Amino acid sequence: AGGLVETLETATFWSNVPALKAAVTTAITDA
């Protein structure tokens, strides 16, 4: 249909989960 779809994954400690999710989401969205 002309969409671009891809996945990626990572892992971290529980205390870092919110920061990691926010950083990756922002980086992909901005790019």
PDB file of all heavy atoms in Angstrom:
ATOM      1  N   ALA A   1       0.813  -1.221   0.000  1.00  0.00           N
ATOM      2  CA  ALA A   1       0.000   0.000   0.000  1.00  0.00           C
ATOM      3  C   ALA A   1       0.844   1.266   0.000  1.00  0.00           C
ATOM      4  O   ALA A   1       0.312   2.366  -0.182  1.00  0.00           O
ATOM      5  CB  ALA A   1      -0.938  -0.004   1.203  1.00  0.00           C
ATOM      6  N   GLY A   2       2.155   1.128   0.218  1.00  0.00           N
ATOM      7  CA  GLY A   2       3.016   2.303   0.271  1.00  0.00           C
ATOM      8  C   GLY A   2       3.376   2.736   1.668  1.00  0.00           C
ATOM      9  O   GLY A   2       3.951   3.804   1.869  1.00  0.00           O
ATOM     10  N   GLY A   3       3.033   1.899   2.649  1.00  0.00           N
ATOM     11  CA  GLY A   3       3.442   2.196   4.010  1.00  0.00           C
ATOM     12  C   GLY A   3       4.851   1.700   4.275  1.00  0.00           C
ATOM     13  O   GLY A   3       5.369   0.818   3.572  1.00  0.00           O
ATOM     14  N   LEU A   4       5.475   2.274   5.262  1.00  0.00           N
ATOM     15  CA  LEU A   4       6.752   1.795   5.762  1.00  0.00           C
ATOM     16  C   LEU A   4       6.500   1.268   7.162  1.00  0.00           C
ATOM     17  O   LEU A   4       5.994   1.999   8.023  1.00  0.00           O
ATOM     18  CB  LEU A   4       7.784   2.920   5.809  1.00  0.00           C
ATOM     19  CG  LEU A   4       9.172   2.535   6.350  1.00  0.00           C
ATOM     20  CD1 LEU A   4       9.909   1.670   5.340  1.00  0.00           C
ATOM     21  CD2 LEU A   4       9.994   3.776   6.677  1.00  0.00           C
ATOM     22  N   VAL A   5       6.824   0.015   7.398  1.00  0.00           N
ATOM     23  CA  VAL A   5       6.610  -0.573   8.717  1.00  0.00           C
ATOM     24  C   VAL A   5       7.844  -1.377   9.087  1.00  0.00           C
ATOM     25  O   VAL A   5       8.377  -2.133   8.283  1.00  0.00           O
ATOM     26  CB  VAL A   5       5.344  -1.456   8.752  1.00  0.00           C
ATOM     27  CG1 VAL A   5       5.396  -2.547   7.695  1.00  0.00           C
ATOM     28  CG2 VAL A   5       5.129  -2.055  10.133  1.00  0.00           C
ATOM     29  N   GLU A   6       8.329  -1.154  10.291  1.00  0.00           N
ATOM     30  CA  GLU A   6       9.497  -1.874  10.770  1.00  0.00           C
ATOM     31  C   GLU A   6       9.436  -1.960  12.288  1.00  0.00           C
ATOM     32  O   GLU A   6       8.680  -1.222  12.941  1.00  0.00           O
ATOM     33  CB  GLU A   6      10.778  -1.177  10.322  1.00  0.00           C
ATOM     34  CG  GLU A   6      12.077  -1.901  10.648  1.00  0.00           C
ATOM     35  CD  GLU A   6      12.202  -3.312  10.093  1.00  0.00           C
ATOM     36  OE1 GLU A   6      11.348  -4.146  10.457  1.00  0.00           O
ATOM     37  OE2 GLU A   6      13.165  -3.579   9.337  1.00  0.00           O
ATOM     38  N   THR A   7      10.199  -2.879  12.836  1.00  0.00           N
ATOM     39  CA  THR A   7      10.236  -3.074  14.280  1.00  0.00           C
ATOM     40  C   THR A   7      11.672  -2.985  14.776  1.00  0.00           C
ATOM     41  O   THR A   7      12.623  -3.185  14.013  1.00  0.00           O
ATOM     42  CB  THR A   7       9.656  -4.439  14.679  1.00  0.00           C
ATOM     43  OG1 THR A   7      10.461  -5.482  14.100  1.00  0.00           O
ATOM     44  CG2 THR A   7       8.214  -4.587  14.200  1.00  0.00           C
ATOM     45  N   LEU A   8      11.817  -2.698  16.036  1.00  0.00           N
ATOM     46  CA  LEU A   8      13.112  -2.764  16.705  1.00  0.00           C
ATOM     47  C   LEU A   8      12.860  -3.008  18.179  1.00  0.00           C
ATOM     48  O   LEU A   8      11.751  -2.776  18.680  1.00  0.00           O
ATOM     49  CB  LEU A   8      13.928  -1.486  16.482  1.00  0.00           C
ATOM     50  CG  LEU A   8      13.303  -0.160  16.933  1.00  0.00           C
ATOM     51  CD1 LEU A   8      13.768   0.206  18.343  1.00  0.00           C
ATOM     52  CD2 LEU A   8      13.679   0.950  15.970  1.00  0.00           C
ATOM     53  N   GLU A   9      13.874  -3.502  18.867  1.00  0.00           N
ATOM     54  CA  GLU A   9      13.671  -3.839  20.276  1.00  0.00           C
ATOM     55  C   GLU A   9      14.942  -3.597  21.061  1.00  0.00           C
ATOM     56  O   GLU A   9      16.033  -3.473  20.504  1.00  0.00           O
ATOM     57  CB  GLU A   9      13.169  -5.279  20.431  1.00  0.00           C
ATOM     58  CG  GLU A   9      13.869  -6.308  19.554  1.00  0.00           C
ATOM     59  CD  GLU A   9      15.273  -6.621  20.000  1.00  0.00           C
ATOM     60  OE1 GLU A   9      15.486  -6.751  21.218  1.00  0.00           O
ATOM     61  OE2 GLU A   9      16.168  -6.738  19.155  1.00  0.00           O
ATOM     62  N   THR A  10      14.801  -3.536  22.367  1.00  0.00           N
ATOM     63  CA  THR A  10      15.902  -3.268  23.266  1.00  0.00           C
ATOM     64  C   THR A  10      15.504  -3.796  24.637  1.00  0.00           C
ATOM     65  O   THR A  10      14.424  -4.376  24.800  1.00  0.00           O
ATOM     66  CB  THR A  10      16.211  -1.755  23.313  1.00  0.00           C
ATOM     67  OG1 THR A  10      17.243  -1.489  24.267  1.00  0.00           O
ATOM     68  CG2 THR A  10      14.983  -0.952  23.717  1.00  0.00           C
ATOM     69  N   ALA A  11      16.374  -3.624  25.623  1.00  0.00           N
ATOM     70  CA  ALA A  11      16.051  -4.035  26.995  1.00  0.00           C
ATOM     71  C   ALA A  11      16.836  -3.186  27.967  1.00  0.00           C
ATOM     72  O   ALA A  11      17.924  -2.689  27.651  1.00  0.00           O
ATOM     73  CB  ALA A  11      16.376  -5.521  27.199  1.00  0.00           C
ATOM     74  N   THR A  12      16.277  -3.043  29.160  1.00  0.00           N
ATOM     75  CA  THR A  12      16.937  -2.237  30.180  1.00  0.00           C
ATOM     76  C   THR A  12      16.425  -2.641  31.555  1.00  0.00           C
ATOM     77  O   THR A  12      15.542  -3.508  31.677  1.00  0.00           O
ATOM     78  CB  THR A  12      16.693  -0.735  29.930  1.00  0.00           C
ATOM     79  OG1 THR A  12      17.574   0.039  30.733  1.00  0.00           O
ATOM     80  CG2 THR A  12      15.249  -0.344  30.225  1.00  0.00           C
ATOM     81  N   PHE A  13      16.963  -2.010  32.593  1.00  0.00           N
ATOM     82  CA  PHE A  13      16.494  -2.250  33.955  1.00  0.00           C
ATOM     83  C   PHE A  13      15.186  -1.495  34.189  1.00  0.00           C
ATOM     84  O   PHE A  13      14.893  -0.497  33.528  1.00  0.00           O
ATOM     85  CB  PHE A  13      17.565  -1.828  34.957  1.00  0.00           C
ATOM     86  CG  PHE A  13      18.829  -2.631  34.833  1.00  0.00           C
ATOM     87  CD1 PHE A  13      19.968  -2.096  34.238  1.00  0.00           C
ATOM     88  CD2 PHE A  13      18.878  -3.936  35.289  1.00  0.00           C
ATOM     89  CE1 PHE A  13      21.129  -2.853  34.105  1.00  0.00           C
ATOM     90  CE2 PHE A  13      20.034  -4.702  35.166  1.00  0.00           C
ATOM     91  CZ  PHE A  13      21.162  -4.158  34.573  1.00  0.00           C
ATOM     92  N   TRP A  14      14.399  -1.989  35.140  1.00  0.00           N
ATOM     93  CA  TRP A  14      13.069  -1.418  35.371  1.00  0.00           C
ATOM     94  C   TRP A  14      13.123   0.088  35.621  1.00  0.00           C
ATOM     95  O   TRP A  14      12.284   0.839  35.116  1.00  0.00           O
ATOM     96  CB  TRP A  14      12.394  -2.102  36.565  1.00  0.00           C
ATOM     97  CG  TRP A  14      11.825  -3.460  36.270  1.00  0.00           C
ATOM     98  CD1 TRP A  14      12.253  -4.659  36.763  1.00  0.00           C
ATOM     99  CD2 TRP A  14      10.718  -3.764  35.408  1.00  0.00           C
ATOM    100  NE1 TRP A  14      11.488  -5.689  36.257  1.00  0.00           N
ATOM    101  CE2 TRP A  14      10.534  -5.165  35.425  1.00  0.00           C
ATOM    102  CE3 TRP A  14       9.870  -2.994  34.621  1.00  0.00           C
ATOM    103  CZ2 TRP A  14       9.537  -5.808  34.706  1.00  0.00           C
ATOM    104  CZ3 TRP A  14       8.871  -3.626  33.895  1.00  0.00           C
ATOM    105  CH2 TRP A  14       8.714  -5.013  33.935  1.00  0.00           C
ATOM    106  N   SER A  15      14.119   0.528  36.366  1.00  0.00           N
ATOM    107  CA  SER A  15      14.181   1.953  36.704  1.00  0.00           C
ATOM    108  C   SER A  15      14.418   2.835  35.493  1.00  0.00           C
ATOM    109  O   SER A  15      14.138   4.034  35.519  1.00  0.00           O
ATOM    110  CB  SER A  15      15.284   2.196  37.735  1.00  0.00           C
ATOM    111  OG  SER A  15      16.543   1.755  37.239  1.00  0.00           O
ATOM    112  N   ASN A  16      14.889   2.232  34.397  1.00  0.00           N
ATOM    113  CA  ASN A  16      15.213   3.001  33.190  1.00  0.00           C
ATOM    114  C   ASN A  16      14.163   2.855  32.097  1.00  0.00           C
ATOM    115  O   ASN A  16      14.278   3.484  31.040  1.00  0.00           O
ATOM    116  CB  ASN A  16      16.579   2.544  32.658  1.00  0.00           C
ATOM    117  CG  ASN A  16      17.167   3.501  31.632  1.00  0.00           C
ATOM    118  OD1 ASN A  16      17.101   4.717  31.780  1.00  0.00           O
ATOM    119  ND2 ASN A  16      17.744   2.936  30.573  1.00  0.00           N
ATOM    120  N   VAL A  17      13.147   2.036  32.329  1.00  0.00           N
ATOM    121  CA  VAL A  17      12.148   1.785  31.277  1.00  0.00           C
ATOM    122  C   VAL A  17      11.459   3.066  30.799  1.00  0.00           C
ATOM    123  O   VAL A  17      11.364   3.308  29.589  1.00  0.00           O
ATOM    124  CB  VAL A  17      11.117   0.736  31.747  1.00  0.00           C
ATOM    125  CG1 VAL A  17       9.872   0.735  30.852  1.00  0.00           C
ATOM    126  CG2 VAL A  17      11.747  -0.651  31.742  1.00  0.00           C
ATOM    127  N   PRO A  18      10.950   3.934  31.680  1.00  0.00           N
ATOM    128  CA  PRO A  18      10.270   5.142  31.174  1.00  0.00           C
ATOM    129  C   PRO A  18      11.175   6.033  30.333  1.00  0.00           C
ATOM    130  O   PRO A  18      10.754   6.537  29.277  1.00  0.00           O
ATOM    131  CB  PRO A  18       9.829   5.857  32.463  1.00  0.00           C
ATOM    132  CG  PRO A  18       9.747   4.785  33.497  1.00  0.00           C
ATOM    133  CD  PRO A  18      10.858   3.849  33.164  1.00  0.00           C
ATOM    134  N   ALA A  19      12.419   6.241  30.771  1.00  0.00           N
ATOM    135  CA  ALA A  19      13.328   7.101  30.019  1.00  0.00           C
ATOM    136  C   ALA A  19      13.674   6.493  28.674  1.00  0.00           C
ATOM    137  O   ALA A  19      13.754   7.199  27.652  1.00  0.00           O
ATOM    138  CB  ALA A  19      14.599   7.347  30.831  1.00  0.00           C
ATOM    139  N   LEU A  20      13.881   5.189  28.638  1.00  0.00           N
ATOM    140  CA  LEU A  20      14.210   4.514  27.380  1.00  0.00           C
ATOM    141  C   LEU A  20      13.050   4.603  26.398  1.00  0.00           C
ATOM    142  O   LEU A  20      13.245   4.934  25.217  1.00  0.00           O
ATOM    143  CB  LEU A  20      14.555   3.052  27.653  1.00  0.00           C
ATOM    144  CG  LEU A  20      14.803   2.169  26.426  1.00  0.00           C
ATOM    145  CD1 LEU A  20      15.993   2.667  25.622  1.00  0.00           C
ATOM    146  CD2 LEU A  20      15.015   0.709  26.862  1.00  0.00           C
ATOM    147  N   LYS A  21      11.843   4.328  26.863  1.00  0.00           N
ATOM    148  CA  LYS A  21      10.670   4.389  25.979  1.00  0.00           C
ATOM    149  C   LYS A  21      10.501   5.794  25.411  1.00  0.00           C
ATOM    150  O   LYS A  21      10.273   5.969  24.200  1.00  0.00           O
ATOM    151  CB  LYS A  21       9.409   3.976  26.732  1.00  0.00           C
ATOM    152  CG  LYS A  21       8.143   3.973  25.876  1.00  0.00           C
ATOM    153  CD  LYS A  21       6.963   3.473  26.684  1.00  0.00           C
ATOM    154  CE  LYS A  21       5.716   3.350  25.803  1.00  0.00           C
ATOM    155  NZ  LYS A  21       5.196   4.645  25.346  1.00  0.00           N
ATOM    156  N   ALA A  22      10.635   6.794  26.250  1.00  0.00           N
ATOM    157  CA  ALA A  22      10.461   8.176  25.792  1.00  0.00           C
ATOM    158  C   ALA A  22      11.552   8.572  24.795  1.00  0.00           C
ATOM    159  O   ALA A  22      11.277   9.208  23.771  1.00  0.00           O
ATOM    160  CB  ALA A  22      10.475   9.116  26.996  1.00  0.00           C
ATOM    161  N   ALA A  23      12.786   8.173  25.080  1.00  0.00           N
ATOM    162  CA  ALA A  23      13.898   8.562  24.211  1.00  0.00           C
ATOM    163  C   ALA A  23      13.781   7.943  22.822  1.00  0.00           C
ATOM    164  O   ALA A  23      13.983   8.627  21.806  1.00  0.00           O
ATOM    165  CB  ALA A  23      15.225   8.163  24.853  1.00  0.00           C
ATOM    166  N   VAL A  24      13.455   6.655  22.775  1.00  0.00           N
ATOM    167  CA  VAL A  24      13.360   5.987  21.479  1.00  0.00           C
ATOM    168  C   VAL A  24      12.157   6.502  20.689  1.00  0.00           C
ATOM    169  O   VAL A  24      12.251   6.763  19.484  1.00  0.00           O
ATOM    170  CB  VAL A  24      13.287   4.458  21.668  1.00  0.00           C
ATOM    171  CG1 VAL A  24      13.023   3.766  20.330  1.00  0.00           C
ATOM    172  CG2 VAL A  24      14.579   3.934  22.279  1.00  0.00           C
ATOM    173  N   THR A  25      11.027   6.655  21.350  1.00  0.00           N
ATOM    174  CA  THR A  25       9.835   7.162  20.670  1.00  0.00           C
ATOM    175  C   THR A  25      10.088   8.551  20.089  1.00  0.00           C
ATOM    176  O   THR A  25       9.743   8.829  18.930  1.00  0.00           O
ATOM    177  CB  THR A  25       8.645   7.213  21.648  1.00  0.00           C
ATOM    178  OG1 THR A  25       8.394   5.898  22.158  1.00  0.00           O
ATOM    179  CG2 THR A  25       7.392   7.726  20.948  1.00  0.00           C
ATOM    180  N   THR A  26      10.708   9.425  20.870  1.00  0.00           N
ATOM    181  CA  THR A  26      11.005  10.780  20.391  1.00  0.00           C
ATOM    182  C   THR A  26      12.001  10.762  19.249  1.00  0.00           C
ATOM    183  O   THR A  26      11.834  11.482  18.245  1.00  0.00           O
ATOM    184  CB  THR A  26      11.557  11.634  21.549  1.00  0.00           C
ATOM    185  OG1 THR A  26      10.561  11.736  22.571  1.00  0.00           O
ATOM    186  CG2 THR A  26      11.929  13.030  21.073  1.00  0.00           C
ATOM    187  N   ALA A  27      13.032   9.947  19.357  1.00  0.00           N
ATOM    188  CA  ALA A  27      14.055   9.893  18.308  1.00  0.00           C
ATOM    189  C   ALA A  27      13.473   9.441  16.981  1.00  0.00           C
ATOM    190  O   ALA A  27      13.742  10.036  15.923  1.00  0.00           O
ATOM    191  CB  ALA A  27      15.185   8.961  18.736  1.00  0.00           C
ATOM    192  N   ILE A  28      12.654   8.387  17.010  1.00  0.00           N
ATOM    193  CA  ILE A  28      12.046   7.881  15.771  1.00  0.00           C
ATOM    194  C   ILE A  28      11.064   8.894  15.210  1.00  0.00           C
ATOM    195  O   ILE A  28      11.057   9.170  14.000  1.00  0.00           O
ATOM    196  CB  ILE A  28      11.341   6.541  16.041  1.00  0.00           C
ATOM    197  CG1 ILE A  28      12.357   5.461  16.418  1.00  0.00           C
ATOM    198  CG2 ILE A  28      10.543   6.100  14.822  1.00  0.00           C
ATOM    199  CD1 ILE A  28      11.725   4.175  16.913  1.00  0.00           C
ATOM    200  N   THR A  29      10.236   9.451  16.072  1.00  0.00           N
ATOM    201  CA  THR A  29       9.231  10.417  15.621  1.00  0.00           C
ATOM    202  C   THR A  29       9.894  11.628  14.974  1.00  0.00           C
ATOM    203  O   THR A  29       9.498  12.056  13.876  1.00  0.00           O
ATOM    204  CB  THR A  29       8.358  10.855  16.797  1.00  0.00           C
ATOM    205  OG1 THR A  29       7.703   9.707  17.357  1.00  0.00           O
ATOM    206  CG2 THR A  29       7.303  11.858  16.357  1.00  0.00           C
ATOM    207  N   ASP A  30      10.911  12.181  15.622  1.00  0.00           N
ATOM    208  CA  ASP A  30      11.584  13.358  15.078  1.00  0.00           C
ATOM    209  C   ASP A  30      12.288  13.041  13.758  1.00  0.00           C
ATOM    210  O   ASP A  30      12.253  13.840  12.808  1.00  0.00           O
ATOM    211  CB  ASP A  30      12.599  13.897  16.087  1.00  0.00           C
ATOM    212  CG  ASP A  30      11.940  14.549  17.299  1.00  0.00           C
ATOM    213  OD1 ASP A  30      10.708  14.751  17.270  1.00  0.00           O
ATOM    214  OD2 ASP A  30      12.659  14.840  18.274  1.00  0.00           O
ATOM    215  N   ALA A  31      12.933  11.880  13.681  1.00  0.00           N
ATOM    216  CA  ALA A  31      13.673  11.529  12.467  1.00  0.00           C
ATOM    217  C   ALA A  31      12.745  11.368  11.270  1.00  0.00           C
ATOM    218  O   ALA A  31      13.071  11.802  10.155  1.00  0.00           O
ATOM    219  CB  ALA A  31      14.471  10.253  12.692  1.00  0.00           C
TER     220      ALA A  31
END
